[in-house]
Amino acid sequence: MSDEPVRRVELDPETVGRDLASLVLTVVELLRQLMERQALRRIDQGDLDEDQVERLGLTLMALEERMAELREHFGLTPEDLNLDLGPLGPLLSTE
């Protein structure tokens, strides 16, 4: 057994909720960006007809709008969701 003092985690219920929301929204934003890139690839390749392109665009715009509403609800900015991966750079695209 080590002589090191036991470290206790101080948890504030309000902070835990915001931190969990931040983590969940980060994952959702990563998936949203990946879906958007895949959609653009499919459009560029001509895999989608005009109606599919329209529906896809509307769906991605609605998802982006909902993400903005959720960030606002939890008091988060887009930068709050972008994790710094050290030498790999930021997790999310800033384009």
PDB file of N, CA and C in Angstrom:
ATOM      1  N   MET A   1       0.840  -1.176   0.000  1.00  0.00           N
ATOM      2  CA  MET A   1       0.000   0.000   0.000  1.00  0.00           C
ATOM      3  C   MET A   1       0.885   1.238   0.000  1.00  0.00           C
ATOM      4  N   SER A   2       0.495   2.228  -0.776  1.00  0.00           N
ATOM      5  CA  SER A   2       1.259   3.448  -0.949  1.00  0.00           C
ATOM      6  C   SER A   2       0.989   4.419   0.189  1.00  0.00           C
ATOM      7  N   ASP A   3       1.982   5.265   0.466  1.00  0.00           N
ATOM      8  CA  ASP A   3       1.837   6.298   1.488  1.00  0.00           C
ATOM      9  C   ASP A   3       1.255   7.584   0.914  1.00  0.00           C
ATOM     10  N   GLU A   4       0.950   7.576  -0.389  1.00  0.00           N
ATOM     11  CA  GLU A   4       0.396   8.775  -1.020  1.00  0.00           C
ATOM     12  C   GLU A   4      -0.995   9.049  -0.469  1.00  0.00           C
ATOM     13  N   PRO A   5      -1.323  10.328  -0.296  1.00  0.00           N
ATOM     14  CA  PRO A   5      -2.679  10.656   0.174  1.00  0.00           C
ATOM     15  C   PRO A   5      -3.698  10.285  -0.905  1.00  0.00           C
ATOM     16  N   VAL A   6      -4.862   9.912  -0.457  1.00  0.00           N
ATOM     17  CA  VAL A   6      -5.940   9.582  -1.378  1.00  0.00           C
ATOM     18  C   VAL A   6      -6.505  10.878  -1.936  1.00  0.00           C
ATOM     19  N   ARG A   7      -6.599  10.945  -3.268  1.00  0.00           N
ATOM     20  CA  ARG A   7      -7.163  12.141  -3.895  1.00  0.00           C
ATOM     21  C   ARG A   7      -8.662  11.962  -4.010  1.00  0.00           C
ATOM     22  N   ARG A   8      -9.367  12.966  -3.597  1.00  0.00           N
ATOM     23  CA  ARG A   8     -10.821  12.936  -3.682  1.00  0.00           C
ATOM     24  C   ARG A   8     -11.266  13.876  -4.791  1.00  0.00           C
ATOM     25  N   VAL A   9     -12.238  13.444  -5.508  1.00  0.00           N
ATOM     26  CA  VAL A   9     -12.784  14.261  -6.575  1.00  0.00           C
ATOM     27  C   VAL A   9     -13.905  15.105  -5.994  1.00  0.00           C
ATOM     28  N   GLU A  10     -13.789  16.394  -6.208  1.00  0.00           N
ATOM     29  CA  GLU A  10     -14.827  17.316  -5.762  1.00  0.00           C
ATOM     30  C   GLU A  10     -15.853  17.415  -6.889  1.00  0.00           C
ATOM     31  N   LEU A  11     -17.079  17.028  -6.612  1.00  0.00           N
ATOM     32  CA  LEU A  11     -18.116  17.069  -7.626  1.00  0.00           C
ATOM     33  C   LEU A  11     -19.175  18.097  -7.270  1.00  0.00           C
ATOM     34  N   ASP A  12     -19.440  18.958  -8.212  1.00  0.00           N
ATOM     35  CA  ASP A  12     -20.510  19.934  -8.082  1.00  0.00           C
ATOM     36  C   ASP A  12     -21.603  19.496  -9.042  1.00  0.00           C
ATOM     37  N   PRO A  13     -22.808  19.198  -8.556  1.00  0.00           N
ATOM     38  CA  PRO A  13     -23.865  18.688  -9.426  1.00  0.00           C
ATOM     39  C   PRO A  13     -24.119  19.548 -10.665  1.00  0.00           C
ATOM     40  N   GLU A  14     -24.033  20.863 -10.551  1.00  0.00           N
ATOM     41  CA  GLU A  14     -24.261  21.730 -11.708  1.00  0.00           C
ATOM     42  C   GLU A  14     -23.138  21.599 -12.718  1.00  0.00           C
ATOM     43  N   THR A  15     -21.922  21.504 -12.262  1.00  0.00           N
ATOM     44  CA  THR A  15     -20.773  21.365 -13.158  1.00  0.00           C
ATOM     45  C   THR A  15     -20.772  20.001 -13.829  1.00  0.00           C
ATOM     46  N   VAL A  16     -21.131  18.964 -13.106  1.00  0.00           N
ATOM     47  CA  VAL A  16     -21.164  17.621 -13.673  1.00  0.00           C
ATOM     48  C   VAL A  16     -22.168  17.559 -14.816  1.00  0.00           C
ATOM     49  N   GLY A  17     -23.332  18.156 -14.640  1.00  0.00           N
ATOM     50  CA  GLY A  17     -24.339  18.166 -15.697  1.00  0.00           C
ATOM     51  C   GLY A  17     -23.855  18.886 -16.937  1.00  0.00           C
ATOM     52  N   ARG A  18     -23.214  20.031 -16.749  1.00  0.00           N
ATOM     53  CA  ARG A  18     -22.697  20.802 -17.888  1.00  0.00           C
ATOM     54  C   ARG A  18     -21.558  20.043 -18.554  1.00  0.00           C
ATOM     55  N   ASP A  19     -20.681  19.449 -17.760  1.00  0.00           N
ATOM     56  CA  ASP A  19     -19.559  18.697 -18.322  1.00  0.00           C
ATOM     57  C   ASP A  19     -20.048  17.487 -19.111  1.00  0.00           C
ATOM     58  N   LEU A  20     -21.056  16.806 -18.595  1.00  0.00           N
ATOM     59  CA  LEU A  20     -21.618  15.659 -19.313  1.00  0.00           C
ATOM     60  C   LEU A  20     -22.277  16.125 -20.611  1.00  0.00           C
ATOM     61  N   ALA A  21     -23.011  17.220 -20.556  1.00  0.00           N
ATOM     62  CA  ALA A  21     -23.622  17.768 -21.764  1.00  0.00           C
ATOM     63  C   ALA A  21     -22.552  18.137 -22.783  1.00  0.00           C
ATOM     64  N   SER A  22     -21.467  18.720 -22.319  1.00  0.00           N
ATOM     65  CA  SER A  22     -20.370  19.090 -23.210  1.00  0.00           C
ATOM     66  C   SER A  22     -19.776  17.864 -23.898  1.00  0.00           C
ATOM     67  N   LEU A  23     -19.579  16.810 -23.142  1.00  0.00           N
ATOM     68  CA  LEU A  23     -19.024  15.579 -23.703  1.00  0.00           C
ATOM     69  C   LEU A  23     -19.968  14.972 -24.738  1.00  0.00           C
ATOM     70  N   VAL A  24     -21.241  14.875 -24.399  1.00  0.00           N
ATOM     71  CA  VAL A  24     -22.234  14.296 -25.313  1.00  0.00           C
ATOM     72  C   VAL A  24     -22.340  15.152 -26.579  1.00  0.00           C
ATOM     73  N   LEU A  25     -22.402  16.461 -26.425  1.00  0.00           N
ATOM     74  CA  LEU A  25     -22.509  17.335 -27.588  1.00  0.00           C
ATOM     75  C   LEU A  25     -21.245  17.303 -28.443  1.00  0.00           C
ATOM     76  N   THR A  26     -20.096  17.086 -27.819  1.00  0.00           N
ATOM     77  CA  THR A  26     -18.853  16.944 -28.583  1.00  0.00           C
ATOM     78  C   THR A  26     -18.925  15.715 -29.488  1.00  0.00           C
ATOM     79  N   VAL A  27     -19.389  14.600 -28.945  1.00  0.00           N
ATOM     80  CA  VAL A  27     -19.523  13.377 -29.743  1.00  0.00           C
ATOM     81  C   VAL A  27     -20.546  13.577 -30.860  1.00  0.00           C
ATOM     82  N   VAL A  28     -21.669  14.201 -30.551  1.00  0.00           N
ATOM     83  CA  VAL A  28     -22.701  14.445 -31.562  1.00  0.00           C
ATOM     84  C   VAL A  28     -22.159  15.374 -32.651  1.00  0.00           C
ATOM     85  N   GLU A  29     -21.425  16.413 -32.272  1.00  0.00           N
ATOM     86  CA  GLU A  29     -20.856  17.336 -33.257  1.00  0.00           C
ATOM     87  C   GLU A  29     -19.830  16.633 -34.137  1.00  0.00           C
ATOM     88  N   LEU A  30     -19.023  15.766 -33.562  1.00  0.00           N
ATOM     89  CA  LEU A  30     -18.056  14.996 -34.360  1.00  0.00           C
ATOM     90  C   LEU A  30     -18.797  14.141 -35.387  1.00  0.00           C
ATOM     91  N   LEU A  31     -19.832  13.463 -34.953  1.00  0.00           N
ATOM     92  CA  LEU A  31     -20.627  12.634 -35.877  1.00  0.00           C
ATOM     93  C   LEU A  31     -21.317  13.493 -36.940  1.00  0.00           C
ATOM     94  N   ARG A  32     -21.810  14.659 -36.554  1.00  0.00           N
ATOM     95  CA  ARG A  32     -22.458  15.557 -37.510  1.00  0.00           C
ATOM     96  C   ARG A  32     -21.470  15.990 -38.597  1.00  0.00           C
ATOM     97  N   GLN A  33     -20.254  16.343 -38.177  1.00  0.00           N
ATOM     98  CA  GLN A  33     -19.237  16.754 -39.145  1.00  0.00           C
ATOM     99  C   GLN A  33     -18.849  15.599 -40.073  1.00  0.00           C
ATOM    100  N   LEU A  34     -18.736  14.398 -39.527  1.00  0.00           N
ATOM    101  CA  LEU A  34     -18.414  13.235 -40.361  1.00  0.00           C
ATOM    102  C   LEU A  34     -19.530  12.955 -41.367  1.00  0.00           C
ATOM    103  N   MET A  35     -20.780  13.046 -40.913  1.00  0.00           N
ATOM    104  CA  MET A  35     -21.922  12.837 -41.815  1.00  0.00           C
ATOM    105  C   MET A  35     -21.928  13.895 -42.922  1.00  0.00           C
ATOM    106  N   GLU A  36     -21.626  15.121 -42.574  1.00  0.00           N
ATOM    107  CA  GLU A  36     -21.605  16.202 -43.549  1.00  0.00           C
ATOM    108  C   GLU A  36     -20.522  15.957 -44.601  1.00  0.00           C
ATOM    109  N   ARG A  37     -19.346  15.554 -44.167  1.00  0.00           N
ATOM    110  CA  ARG A  37     -18.256  15.262 -45.121  1.00  0.00           C
ATOM    111  C   ARG A  37     -18.622  14.108 -46.048  1.00  0.00           C
ATOM    112  N   GLN A  38     -19.235  13.060 -45.477  1.00  0.00           N
ATOM    113  CA  GLN A  38     -19.655  11.920 -46.289  1.00  0.00           C
ATOM    114  C   GLN A  38     -20.721  12.344 -47.299  1.00  0.00           C
ATOM    115  N   ALA A  39     -21.649  13.183 -46.872  1.00  0.00           N
ATOM    116  CA  ALA A  39     -22.694  13.665 -47.777  1.00  0.00           C
ATOM    117  C   ALA A  39     -22.082  14.464 -48.924  1.00  0.00           C
ATOM    118  N   LEU A  40     -21.125  15.327 -48.618  1.00  0.00           N
ATOM    119  CA  LEU A  40     -20.475  16.113 -49.661  1.00  0.00           C
ATOM    120  C   LEU A  40     -19.724  15.217 -50.645  1.00  0.00           C
ATOM    121  N   ARG A  41     -19.084  14.177 -50.131  1.00  0.00           N
ATOM    122  CA  ARG A  41     -18.400  13.223 -51.017  1.00  0.00           C
ATOM    123  C   ARG A  41     -19.391  12.555 -51.962  1.00  0.00           C
ATOM    124  N   ARG A  42     -20.518  12.123 -51.406  1.00  0.00           N
ATOM    125  CA  ARG A  42     -21.538  11.452 -52.224  1.00  0.00           C
ATOM    126  C   ARG A  42     -22.119  12.405 -53.269  1.00  0.00           C
ATOM    127  N   ILE A  43     -22.298  13.664 -52.898  1.00  0.00           N
ATOM    128  CA  ILE A  43     -22.795  14.653 -53.854  1.00  0.00           C
ATOM    129  C   ILE A  43     -21.770  14.860 -54.962  1.00  0.00           C
ATOM    130  N   ASP A  44     -20.499  15.033 -54.576  1.00  0.00           N
ATOM    131  CA  ASP A  44     -19.437  15.235 -55.562  1.00  0.00           C
ATOM    132  C   ASP A  44     -19.306  14.048 -56.516  1.00  0.00           C
ATOM    133  N   GLN A  45     -19.561  12.841 -56.019  1.00  0.00           N
ATOM    134  CA  GLN A  45     -19.458  11.642 -56.848  1.00  0.00           C
ATOM    135  C   GLN A  45     -20.703  11.424 -57.698  1.00  0.00           C
ATOM    136  N   GLY A  46     -21.756  12.190 -57.446  1.00  0.00           N
ATOM    137  CA  GLY A  46     -22.983  12.047 -58.210  1.00  0.00           C
ATOM    138  C   GLY A  46     -23.828  10.857 -57.790  1.00  0.00           C
ATOM    139  N   ASP A  47     -23.639  10.385 -56.551  1.00  0.00           N
ATOM    140  CA  ASP A  47     -24.378   9.226 -56.042  1.00  0.00           C
ATOM    141  C   ASP A  47     -25.824   9.547 -55.660  1.00  0.00           C
ATOM    142  N   LEU A  48     -26.162  10.823 -55.547  1.00  0.00           N
ATOM    143  CA  LEU A  48     -27.485  11.216 -55.056  1.00  0.00           C
ATOM    144  C   LEU A  48     -28.248  11.974 -56.131  1.00  0.00           C
ATOM    145  N   ASP A  49     -29.565  11.750 -56.174  1.00  0.00           N
ATOM    146  CA  ASP A  49     -30.378  12.533 -57.105  1.00  0.00           C
ATOM    147  C   ASP A  49     -30.713  13.875 -56.445  1.00  0.00           C
ATOM    148  N   GLU A  50     -31.356  14.739 -57.198  1.00  0.00           N
ATOM    149  CA  GLU A  50     -31.638  16.098 -56.734  1.00  0.00           C
ATOM    150  C   GLU A  50     -32.488  16.126 -55.463  1.00  0.00           C
ATOM    151  N   ASP A  51     -33.499  15.256 -55.388  1.00  0.00           N
ATOM    152  CA  ASP A  51     -34.348  15.202 -54.189  1.00  0.00           C
ATOM    153  C   ASP A  51     -33.564  14.749 -52.962  1.00  0.00           C
ATOM    154  N   GLN A  52     -32.684  13.769 -53.145  1.00  0.00           N
ATOM    155  CA  GLN A  52     -31.875  13.281 -52.023  1.00  0.00           C
ATOM    156  C   GLN A  52     -30.925  14.367 -51.537  1.00  0.00           C
ATOM    157  N   VAL A  53     -30.352  15.109 -52.468  1.00  0.00           N
ATOM    158  CA  VAL A  53     -29.452  16.208 -52.095  1.00  0.00           C
ATOM    159  C   VAL A  53     -30.223  17.260 -51.295  1.00  0.00           C
ATOM    160  N   GLU A  54     -31.426  17.579 -51.732  1.00  0.00           N
ATOM    161  CA  GLU A  54     -32.256  18.568 -51.036  1.00  0.00           C
ATOM    162  C   GLU A  54     -32.593  18.107 -49.619  1.00  0.00           C
ATOM    163  N   ARG A  55     -33.050  16.863 -49.482  1.00  0.00           N
ATOM    164  CA  ARG A  55     -33.410  16.327 -48.155  1.00  0.00           C
ATOM    165  C   ARG A  55     -32.197  16.271 -47.244  1.00  0.00           C
ATOM    166  N   LEU A  56     -31.066  15.857 -47.794  1.00  0.00           N
ATOM    167  CA  LEU A  56     -29.840  15.766 -47.007  1.00  0.00           C
ATOM    168  C   LEU A  56     -29.416  17.147 -46.511  1.00  0.00           C
ATOM    169  N   GLY A  57     -29.489  18.129 -47.402  1.00  0.00           N
ATOM    170  CA  GLY A  57     -29.140  19.495 -47.011  1.00  0.00           C
ATOM    171  C   GLY A  57     -30.041  20.024 -45.911  1.00  0.00           C
ATOM    172  N   LEU A  58     -31.340  19.790 -46.054  1.00  0.00           N
ATOM    173  CA  LEU A  58     -32.288  20.247 -45.030  1.00  0.00           C
ATOM    174  C   LEU A  58     -32.057  19.539 -43.697  1.00  0.00           C
ATOM    175  N   THR A  59     -31.774  18.255 -43.758  1.00  0.00           N
ATOM    176  CA  THR A  59     -31.524  17.487 -42.533  1.00  0.00           C
ATOM    177  C   THR A  59     -30.274  17.980 -41.824  1.00  0.00           C
ATOM    178  N   LEU A  60     -29.194  18.202 -42.569  1.00  0.00           N
ATOM    179  CA  LEU A  60     -27.951  18.684 -41.961  1.00  0.00           C
ATOM    180  C   LEU A  60     -28.114  20.089 -41.391  1.00  0.00           C
ATOM    181  N   MET A  61     -28.884  20.933 -42.076  1.00  0.00           N
ATOM    182  CA  MET A  61     -29.133  22.282 -41.557  1.00  0.00           C
ATOM    183  C   MET A  61     -29.949  22.220 -40.269  1.00  0.00           C
ATOM    184  N   ALA A  62     -30.952  21.350 -40.222  1.00  0.00           N
ATOM    185  CA  ALA A  62     -31.772  21.208 -39.017  1.00  0.00           C
ATOM    186  C   ALA A  62     -30.932  20.687 -37.851  1.00  0.00           C
ATOM    187  N   LEU A  63     -30.047  19.740 -38.135  1.00  0.00           N
ATOM    188  CA  LEU A  63     -29.184  19.196 -37.083  1.00  0.00           C
ATOM    189  C   LEU A  63     -28.234  20.261 -36.554  1.00  0.00           C
ATOM    190  N   GLU A  64     -27.677  21.042 -37.450  1.00  0.00           N
ATOM    191  CA  GLU A  64     -26.779  22.112 -37.024  1.00  0.00           C
ATOM    192  C   GLU A  64     -27.527  23.147 -36.171  1.00  0.00           C
ATOM    193  N   GLU A  65     -28.760  23.459 -36.572  1.00  0.00           N
ATOM    194  CA  GLU A  65     -29.583  24.404 -35.809  1.00  0.00           C
ATOM    195  C   GLU A  65     -29.892  23.855 -34.409  1.00  0.00           C
ATOM    196  N   ARG A  66     -30.241  22.589 -34.345  1.00  0.00           N
ATOM    197  CA  ARG A  66     -30.551  21.956 -33.045  1.00  0.00           C
ATOM    198  C   ARG A  66     -29.317  21.935 -32.149  1.00  0.00           C
ATOM    199  N   MET A  67     -28.148  21.682 -32.745  1.00  0.00           N
ATOM    200  CA  MET A  67     -26.909  21.701 -31.962  1.00  0.00           C
ATOM    201  C   MET A  67     -26.678  23.089 -31.373  1.00  0.00           C
ATOM    202  N   ALA A  68     -26.936  24.118 -32.160  1.00  0.00           N
ATOM    203  CA  ALA A  68     -26.767  25.489 -31.666  1.00  0.00           C
ATOM    204  C   ALA A  68     -27.717  25.753 -30.497  1.00  0.00           C
ATOM    205  N   GLU A  69     -28.952  25.266 -30.601  1.00  0.00           N
ATOM    206  CA  GLU A  69     -29.922  25.432 -29.511  1.00  0.00           C
ATOM    207  C   GLU A  69     -29.445  24.717 -28.245  1.00  0.00           C
ATOM    208  N   LEU A  70     -28.930  23.508 -28.395  1.00  0.00           N
ATOM    209  CA  LEU A  70     -28.462  22.751 -27.232  1.00  0.00           C
ATOM    210  C   LEU A  70     -27.227  23.399 -26.606  1.00  0.00           C
ATOM    211  N   ARG A  71     -26.309  23.884 -27.448  1.00  0.00           N
ATOM    212  CA  ARG A  71     -25.139  24.591 -26.900  1.00  0.00           C
ATOM    213  C   ARG A  71     -25.596  25.803 -26.096  1.00  0.00           C
ATOM    214  N   GLU A  72     -26.542  26.551 -26.644  1.00  0.00           N
ATOM    215  CA  GLU A  72     -27.047  27.736 -25.951  1.00  0.00           C
ATOM    216  C   GLU A  72     -27.720  27.344 -24.630  1.00  0.00           C
ATOM    217  N   HIS A  73     -28.521  26.292 -24.664  1.00  0.00           N
ATOM    218  CA  HIS A  73     -29.213  25.826 -23.456  1.00  0.00           C
ATOM    219  C   HIS A  73     -28.228  25.505 -22.331  1.00  0.00           C
ATOM    220  N   PHE A  74     -27.106  24.881 -22.681  1.00  0.00           N
ATOM    221  CA  PHE A  74     -26.121  24.488 -21.667  1.00  0.00           C
ATOM    222  C   PHE A  74     -25.020  25.528 -21.480  1.00  0.00           C
ATOM    223  N   GLY A  75     -25.145  26.669 -22.147  1.00  0.00           N
ATOM    224  CA  GLY A  75     -24.161  27.731 -21.990  1.00  0.00           C
ATOM    225  C   GLY A  75     -22.802  27.368 -22.554  1.00  0.00           C
ATOM    226  N   LEU A  76     -22.794  26.676 -23.687  1.00  0.00           N
ATOM    227  CA  LEU A  76     -21.543  26.233 -24.303  1.00  0.00           C
ATOM    228  C   LEU A  76     -21.328  26.943 -25.635  1.00  0.00           C
ATOM    229  N   THR A  77     -20.082  27.123 -25.992  1.00  0.00           N
ATOM    230  CA  THR A  77     -19.726  27.675 -27.299  1.00  0.00           C
ATOM    231  C   THR A  77     -19.188  26.533 -28.160  1.00  0.00           C
ATOM    232  N   PRO A  78     -19.105  26.747 -29.473  1.00  0.00           N
ATOM    233  CA  PRO A  78     -18.495  25.709 -30.316  1.00  0.00           C
ATOM    234  C   PRO A  78     -17.066  25.365 -29.857  1.00  0.00           C
ATOM    235  N   GLU A  79     -16.353  26.358 -29.363  1.00  0.00           N
ATOM    236  CA  GLU A  79     -14.985  26.129 -28.888  1.00  0.00           C
ATOM    237  C   GLU A  79     -14.952  25.219 -27.661  1.00  0.00           C
ATOM    238  N   ASP A  80     -16.009  25.272 -26.840  1.00  0.00           N
ATOM    239  CA  ASP A  80     -16.085  24.414 -25.657  1.00  0.00           C
ATOM    240  C   ASP A  80     -16.147  22.935 -26.035  1.00  0.00           C
ATOM    241  N   LEU A  81     -16.651  22.647 -27.236  1.00  0.00           N
ATOM    242  CA  LEU A  81     -16.807  21.263 -27.673  1.00  0.00           C
ATOM    243  C   LEU A  81     -15.569  20.734 -28.379  1.00  0.00           C
ATOM    244  N   ASN A  82     -14.654  21.610 -28.727  1.00  0.00           N
ATOM    245  CA  ASN A  82     -13.491  21.210 -29.503  1.00  0.00           C
ATOM    246  C   ASN A  82     -12.334  20.836 -28.590  1.00  0.00           C
ATOM    247  N   LEU A  83     -12.192  19.534 -28.363  1.00  0.00           N
ATOM    248  CA  LEU A  83     -11.149  19.041 -27.469  1.00  0.00           C
ATOM    249  C   LEU A  83      -9.770  19.200 -28.090  1.00  0.00           C
ATOM    250  N   ASP A  84      -8.802  19.595 -27.281  1.00  0.00           N
ATOM    251  CA  ASP A  84      -7.417  19.701 -27.731  1.00  0.00           C
ATOM    252  C   ASP A  84      -6.764  18.337 -27.565  1.00  0.00           C
ATOM    253  N   LEU A  85      -6.331  17.745 -28.672  1.00  0.00           N
ATOM    254  CA  LEU A  85      -5.709  16.419 -28.634  1.00  0.00           C
ATOM    255  C   LEU A  85      -4.185  16.501 -28.615  1.00  0.00           C
ATOM    256  N   GLY A  86      -3.668  17.622 -28.118  1.00  0.00           N
ATOM    257  CA  GLY A  86      -2.223  17.785 -28.015  1.00  0.00           C
ATOM    258  C   GLY A  86      -1.564  17.823 -29.379  1.00  0.00           C
ATOM    259  N   PRO A  87      -0.570  16.958 -29.605  1.00  0.00           N
ATOM    260  CA  PRO A  87       0.165  16.993 -30.870  1.00  0.00           C
ATOM    261  C   PRO A  87      -0.714  16.690 -32.093  1.00  0.00           C
ATOM    262  N   LEU A  88      -1.856  16.064 -31.887  1.00  0.00           N
ATOM    263  CA  LEU A  88      -2.754  15.755 -33.005  1.00  0.00           C
ATOM    264  C   LEU A  88      -3.598  16.948 -33.411  1.00  0.00           C
ATOM    265  N   GLY A  89      -3.657  17.963 -32.548  1.00  0.00           N
ATOM    266  CA  GLY A  89      -4.452  19.148 -32.849  1.00  0.00           C
ATOM    267  C   GLY A  89      -5.861  19.014 -32.292  1.00  0.00           C
ATOM    268  N   PRO A  90      -6.752  19.910 -32.750  1.00  0.00           N
ATOM    269  CA  PRO A  90      -8.123  19.893 -32.247  1.00  0.00           C
ATOM    270  C   PRO A  90      -8.906  18.717 -32.812  1.00  0.00           C
ATOM    271  N   LEU A  91      -9.877  18.244 -32.033  1.00  0.00           N
ATOM    272  CA  LEU A  91     -10.718  17.116 -32.454  1.00  0.00           C
ATOM    273  C   LEU A  91     -11.636  17.491 -33.606  1.00  0.00           C
ATOM    274  N   LEU A  92     -12.260  18.649 -33.509  1.00  0.00           N
ATOM    275  CA  LEU A  92     -13.271  19.047 -34.490  1.00  0.00           C
ATOM    276  C   LEU A  92     -12.689  19.985 -35.525  1.00  0.00           C
ATOM    277  N   SER A  93     -13.233  19.886 -36.728  1.00  0.00           N
ATOM    278  CA  SER A  93     -12.850  20.766 -37.815  1.00  0.00           C
ATOM    279  C   SER A  93     -13.382  22.162 -37.536  1.00  0.00           C
ATOM    280  N   THR A  94     -12.610  23.174 -37.864  1.00  0.00           N
ATOM    281  CA  THR A  94     -13.056  24.541 -37.665  1.00  0.00           C
ATOM    282  C   THR A  94     -13.404  25.211 -38.985  1.00  0.00           C
ATOM    283  N   GLU A  95     -13.543  24.428 -40.036  1.00  0.00           N
ATOM    284  CA  GLU A  95     -13.879  24.960 -41.366  1.00  0.00           C
ATOM    285  C   GLU A  95     -15.278  25.479 -41.412  1.00  0.00           C
TER     286      GLU A  95
END
